[in-house]
C-alpha atoms as a PDB file:
ATOM      1  CA  MET A   1    -185.881 -99.546  36.746  1.00  0.00           C
ATOM      2  CA  LYS A   2    -186.781-101.854  33.769  1.00  0.00           C
ATOM      3  CA  LEU A   3    -186.175-105.583  34.126  1.00  0.00           C
ATOM      4  CA  VAL A   4    -185.823-107.928  31.153  1.00  0.00           C
ATOM      5  CA  PHE A   5    -186.591-111.573  31.442  1.00  0.00           C
ATOM      6  CA  SER A   6    -186.367-114.489  29.033  1.00  0.00           C
ATOM      7  CA  ILE A   7    -189.630-116.341  28.432  1.00  0.00           C
ATOM      8  CA  TYR A   8    -188.164-119.036  30.667  1.00  0.00           C
ATOM      9  CA  GLY A   9    -188.157-116.814  33.722  1.00  0.00           C
ATOM     10  CA  ASN A  10    -184.521-115.812  34.211  1.00  0.00           C
ATOM     11  CA  ILE A  11    -183.460-112.167  34.240  1.00  0.00           C
ATOM     12  CA  ILE A  12    -181.332-111.200  31.241  1.00  0.00           C
ATOM     13  CA  GLY A  13    -181.028-107.505  31.625  1.00  0.00           C
ATOM     14  CA  ARG A  14    -182.011-104.393  33.536  1.00  0.00           C
ATOM     15  CA  GLY A  15    -182.298-100.675  32.796  1.00  0.00           C
ATOM     16  CA  ASP A  16    -183.788 -98.622  29.965  1.00  0.00           C
ATOM     17  CA  GLN A  17    -181.102 -99.661  27.465  1.00  0.00           C
ATOM     18  CA  ALA A  18    -181.815-103.340  28.025  1.00  0.00           C
ATOM     19  CA  ALA A  19    -185.530-102.746  27.794  1.00  0.00           C
ATOM     20  CA  SER A  20    -184.984-100.925  24.493  1.00  0.00           C
ATOM     21  CA  ASP A  21    -182.654-103.655  23.186  1.00  0.00           C
ATOM     22  CA  TYR A  22    -185.124-106.472  23.848  1.00  0.00           C
ATOM     23  CA  ALA A  23    -188.386-104.535  23.085  1.00  0.00           C
ATOM     24  CA  SER A  24    -189.004-106.331  19.869  1.00  0.00           C
ATOM     25  CA  ASP A  25    -187.521-109.744  20.929  1.00  0.00           C
ATOM     26  CA  PRO A  26    -190.429-112.343  21.162  1.00  0.00           C
ATOM     27  CA  ASN A  27    -188.333-114.372  23.589  1.00  0.00           C
ATOM     28  CA  ALA A  28    -188.075-111.545  26.184  1.00  0.00           C
ATOM     29  CA  VAL A  29    -190.524-109.790  28.574  1.00  0.00           C
ATOM     30  CA  VAL A  30    -189.967-106.310  30.023  1.00  0.00           C
ATOM     31  CA  PHE A  31    -191.386-105.181  33.395  1.00  0.00           C
ATOM     32  CA  ASP A  32    -190.976-102.278  35.686  1.00  0.00           C
ATOM     33  CA  ALA A  33    -189.270-103.081  39.025  1.00  0.00           C
ATOM     34  CA  VAL A  34    -191.441-102.929  42.130  1.00  0.00           C
ATOM     35  CA  GLU A  35    -190.930 -99.936  44.265  1.00  0.00           C
ATOM     36  CA  GLY A  36    -188.916-100.754  47.306  1.00  0.00           C
ATOM     37  CA  VAL A  37    -187.558-104.021  45.881  1.00  0.00           C
ATOM     38  CA  ASP A  38    -184.001-103.491  44.865  1.00  0.00           C
ATOM     39  CA  GLU A  39    -182.236-106.885  44.937  1.00  0.00           C
ATOM     40  CA  LEU A  40    -182.384-108.587  41.489  1.00  0.00           C
ATOM     41  CA  TRP A  41    -182.386-112.089  42.975  1.00  0.00           C
ATOM     42  CA  ARG A  42    -185.883-111.428  44.369  1.00  0.00           C
ATOM     43  CA  TYR A  43    -187.362-111.210  40.904  1.00  0.00           C
ATOM     44  CA  SER A  44    -188.433-113.866  38.430  1.00  0.00           C
ATOM     45  CA  TYR A  45    -190.934-114.214  35.612  1.00  0.00           C
ATOM     46  CA  ASP A  46    -193.708-116.837  35.738  1.00  0.00           C
ATOM     47  CA  ALA A  47    -194.279-117.850  32.094  1.00  0.00           C
ATOM     48  CA  GLU A  48    -197.505-119.701  32.930  1.00  0.00           C
ATOM     49  CA  THR A  49    -199.268-116.649  34.380  1.00  0.00           C
ATOM     50  CA  GLU A  50    -197.142-114.133  32.383  1.00  0.00           C
ATOM     51  CA  ALA A  51    -196.534-112.318  35.747  1.00  0.00           C
ATOM     52  CA  LEU A  52    -193.555-110.702  37.488  1.00  0.00           C
ATOM     53  CA  VAL A  53    -192.862-112.549  40.712  1.00  0.00           C
ATOM     54  CA  VAL A  54    -191.217-110.968  43.720  1.00  0.00           C
ATOM     55  CA  GLU A  55    -189.970-113.445  46.294  1.00  0.00           C
ATOM     56  CA  TYR A  56    -190.843-112.381  49.920  1.00  0.00           C
ATOM     57  CA  PRO A  57    -192.688-109.281  48.814  1.00  0.00           C
ATOM     58  CA  ASP A  58    -193.500-107.948  52.319  1.00  0.00           C
ATOM     59  CA  MET A  59    -189.979-108.149  53.575  1.00  0.00           C
ATOM     60  CA  THR A  60    -187.102-105.677  53.371  1.00  0.00           C
ATOM     61  CA  ASP A  61    -184.158-106.822  51.241  1.00  0.00           C
ATOM     62  CA  GLU A  62    -182.230-107.749  54.368  1.00  0.00           C
ATOM     63  CA  GLU A  63    -185.108-109.773  55.816  1.00  0.00           C
ATOM     64  CA  ALA A  64    -185.733-111.488  52.359  1.00  0.00           C
ATOM     65  CA  LEU A  65    -182.067-112.468  52.006  1.00  0.00           C
ATOM     66  CA  ALA A  66    -182.120-113.968  55.487  1.00  0.00           C
ATOM     67  CA  GLN A  67    -185.270-115.937  54.669  1.00  0.00           C
ATOM     68  CA  LEU A  68    -183.822-117.046  51.407  1.00  0.00           C
ATOM     69  CA  GLU A  69    -180.817-118.489  53.256  1.00  0.00           C
ATOM     70  CA  ILE A  70    -183.096-120.208  55.719  1.00  0.00           C
ATOM     71  CA  ASP A  71    -185.151-121.723  52.950  1.00  0.00           C
ATOM     72  CA  ALA A  72    -182.077-122.835  51.046  1.00  0.00           C
ATOM     73  CA  ALA A  73    -180.630-124.476  54.068  1.00  0.00           C
ATOM     74  CA  ALA A  74    -183.984-126.238  54.693  1.00  0.00           C
ATOM     75  CA  GLU A  75    -184.012-127.537  51.089  1.00  0.00           C
ATOM     76  CA  ASN A  76    -180.438-128.776  51.342  1.00  0.00           C
ATOM     77  CA  ALA A  77    -181.221-130.679  54.622  1.00  0.00           C
ATOM     78  CA  GLU A  78    -184.011-132.665  52.958  1.00  0.00           C
END
């Protein structure tokens, strides 16, 4: 699956049609999704390194979602 990000790091589209629509847009970047990583919230784009970032890359989607909730609770407790 193709993923489309703005140059600011947020996902703005997915799929072949979105990739085609944004192919010539200088404010968009297209990547291929990582095999085994299905949840879109796990992806972001790092503009400094121009790299696709996958949060919790070694975890299943279920484990990553649980860890995300733990991390969010810890941040809110601070």
